[in-house]
N, C-alpha and C. Protein backbone atom coordinates (compact mmCIF):
# COMPACT_ATOMS: atom_id res chain seq x y z
N MET A 1 -18.73 8.25 13.08
CA MET A 1 -17.58 7.41 12.84
C MET A 1 -16.30 8.23 13.20
N SER A 2 -15.45 7.67 14.02
CA SER A 2 -14.24 8.37 14.38
C SER A 2 -13.19 8.31 13.29
N SER A 3 -12.22 9.21 13.41
CA SER A 3 -11.20 9.26 12.37
C SER A 3 -10.35 7.99 12.37
N ASP A 4 -10.19 7.36 13.53
CA ASP A 4 -9.43 6.12 13.60
C ASP A 4 -10.08 5.01 12.76
N VAL A 5 -11.38 4.95 12.77
CA VAL A 5 -12.12 3.95 12.01
C VAL A 5 -11.98 4.21 10.51
N SER A 6 -12.10 5.44 10.12
CA SER A 6 -12.02 5.78 8.69
C SER A 6 -10.61 5.47 8.16
N ILE A 7 -9.60 5.70 8.98
CA ILE A 7 -8.24 5.40 8.58
C ILE A 7 -8.05 3.90 8.37
N ALA A 8 -8.63 3.13 9.26
CA ALA A 8 -8.49 1.69 9.17
C ALA A 8 -9.21 1.14 7.94
N LEU A 9 -10.27 1.80 7.53
CA LEU A 9 -11.04 1.36 6.40
C LEU A 9 -10.54 1.81 5.05
N SER A 10 -9.71 2.84 5.04
CA SER A 10 -9.16 3.30 3.76
C SER A 10 -8.10 2.34 3.25
N PRO A 11 -8.18 2.01 1.94
CA PRO A 11 -7.26 1.04 1.41
C PRO A 11 -5.82 1.58 1.34
N ILE A 12 -4.85 0.74 1.69
CA ILE A 12 -3.46 1.11 1.53
C ILE A 12 -3.06 0.96 0.08
N GLN A 13 -2.28 1.87 -0.38
CA GLN A 13 -1.75 1.80 -1.73
C GLN A 13 -0.25 1.46 -1.66
N PHE A 14 0.30 0.93 -2.74
CA PHE A 14 1.72 0.64 -2.76
C PHE A 14 2.55 1.86 -2.47
N SER A 15 2.09 3.01 -2.90
CA SER A 15 2.84 4.27 -2.68
C SER A 15 2.90 4.60 -1.18
N ASP A 16 2.06 4.03 -0.38
CA ASP A 16 2.07 4.30 1.09
C ASP A 16 3.11 3.47 1.78
N LEU A 17 3.77 2.54 1.13
CA LEU A 17 4.63 1.58 1.77
C LEU A 17 6.11 1.98 1.76
N GLY A 18 6.44 3.10 1.19
CA GLY A 18 7.81 3.57 1.16
C GLY A 18 8.72 2.81 0.24
N LEU A 19 8.17 2.28 -0.82
CA LEU A 19 8.99 1.56 -1.82
C LEU A 19 9.71 2.54 -2.73
N ALA A 20 10.78 2.09 -3.32
CA ALA A 20 11.58 2.89 -4.21
C ALA A 20 10.76 3.18 -5.49
N GLU A 21 11.03 4.32 -6.06
CA GLU A 21 10.23 4.77 -7.24
C GLU A 21 10.30 3.76 -8.41
N PRO A 22 11.42 3.14 -8.74
CA PRO A 22 11.43 2.15 -9.83
C PRO A 22 10.50 0.96 -9.53
N ILE A 23 10.44 0.57 -8.28
CA ILE A 23 9.52 -0.52 -7.92
C ILE A 23 8.08 -0.10 -8.04
N LEU A 24 7.79 1.14 -7.58
CA LEU A 24 6.42 1.64 -7.70
C LEU A 24 5.99 1.74 -9.19
N ARG A 25 6.91 2.18 -10.07
CA ARG A 25 6.59 2.25 -11.49
C ARG A 25 6.28 0.86 -12.08
N ALA A 26 7.13 -0.12 -11.67
CA ALA A 26 6.93 -1.50 -12.14
C ALA A 26 5.60 -2.07 -11.71
N ILE A 27 5.23 -1.81 -10.44
CA ILE A 27 3.95 -2.27 -9.93
C ILE A 27 2.82 -1.59 -10.67
N ALA A 28 2.92 -0.27 -10.89
CA ALA A 28 1.87 0.46 -11.63
C ALA A 28 1.77 -0.01 -13.06
N ASP A 29 2.88 -0.39 -13.64
CA ASP A 29 2.82 -0.85 -15.04
C ASP A 29 2.08 -2.16 -15.20
N THR A 30 2.02 -2.94 -14.09
CA THR A 30 1.26 -4.20 -14.13
C THR A 30 -0.18 -3.97 -13.79
N GLY A 31 -0.53 -2.75 -13.35
CA GLY A 31 -1.94 -2.42 -13.13
C GLY A 31 -2.38 -2.58 -11.65
N TYR A 32 -1.46 -2.95 -10.79
CA TYR A 32 -1.83 -3.10 -9.39
C TYR A 32 -1.81 -1.75 -8.69
N THR A 33 -2.74 -1.50 -7.78
CA THR A 33 -2.77 -0.26 -7.01
C THR A 33 -2.77 -0.50 -5.52
N HIS A 34 -3.36 -1.60 -5.10
CA HIS A 34 -3.47 -1.88 -3.65
C HIS A 34 -2.82 -3.24 -3.33
N PRO A 35 -1.96 -3.26 -2.31
CA PRO A 35 -1.37 -4.54 -1.91
C PRO A 35 -2.41 -5.37 -1.18
N THR A 36 -2.15 -6.68 -1.19
CA THR A 36 -2.98 -7.57 -0.39
C THR A 36 -2.63 -7.28 1.09
N PRO A 37 -3.49 -7.69 2.01
CA PRO A 37 -3.16 -7.46 3.42
C PRO A 37 -1.81 -8.00 3.83
N ILE A 38 -1.43 -9.19 3.37
CA ILE A 38 -0.14 -9.78 3.75
C ILE A 38 1.01 -8.97 3.15
N GLN A 39 0.84 -8.49 1.92
CA GLN A 39 1.90 -7.66 1.34
C GLN A 39 2.07 -6.37 2.10
N ALA A 40 0.98 -5.73 2.46
CA ALA A 40 1.07 -4.52 3.27
C ALA A 40 1.79 -4.75 4.59
N GLN A 41 1.50 -5.86 5.26
CA GLN A 41 2.17 -6.13 6.51
C GLN A 41 3.65 -6.44 6.29
N ALA A 42 3.96 -7.14 5.26
CA ALA A 42 5.37 -7.56 4.97
C ALA A 42 6.20 -6.30 4.64
N PHE A 43 5.70 -5.44 3.83
CA PHE A 43 6.44 -4.25 3.40
C PHE A 43 6.66 -3.25 4.52
N ARG A 44 5.81 -3.27 5.47
CA ARG A 44 5.99 -2.34 6.60
C ARG A 44 7.17 -2.76 7.48
N TRP A 45 7.63 -3.99 7.44
CA TRP A 45 8.76 -4.48 8.16
C TRP A 45 10.08 -4.02 7.54
N CYS A 46 10.05 -3.71 6.26
CA CYS A 46 11.26 -3.36 5.54
C CYS A 46 11.76 -1.99 5.95
């Protein structure tokens, strides 16, 4: 398996999206760790 494939299969976390710390804390407080695919795509545009 190439490294490109393993990167594509590793789940994105909210902390990978460059969100502000207060937002990350609020998300963590609700128990979420991984964005949905549409959330991950949307946050990357910000």
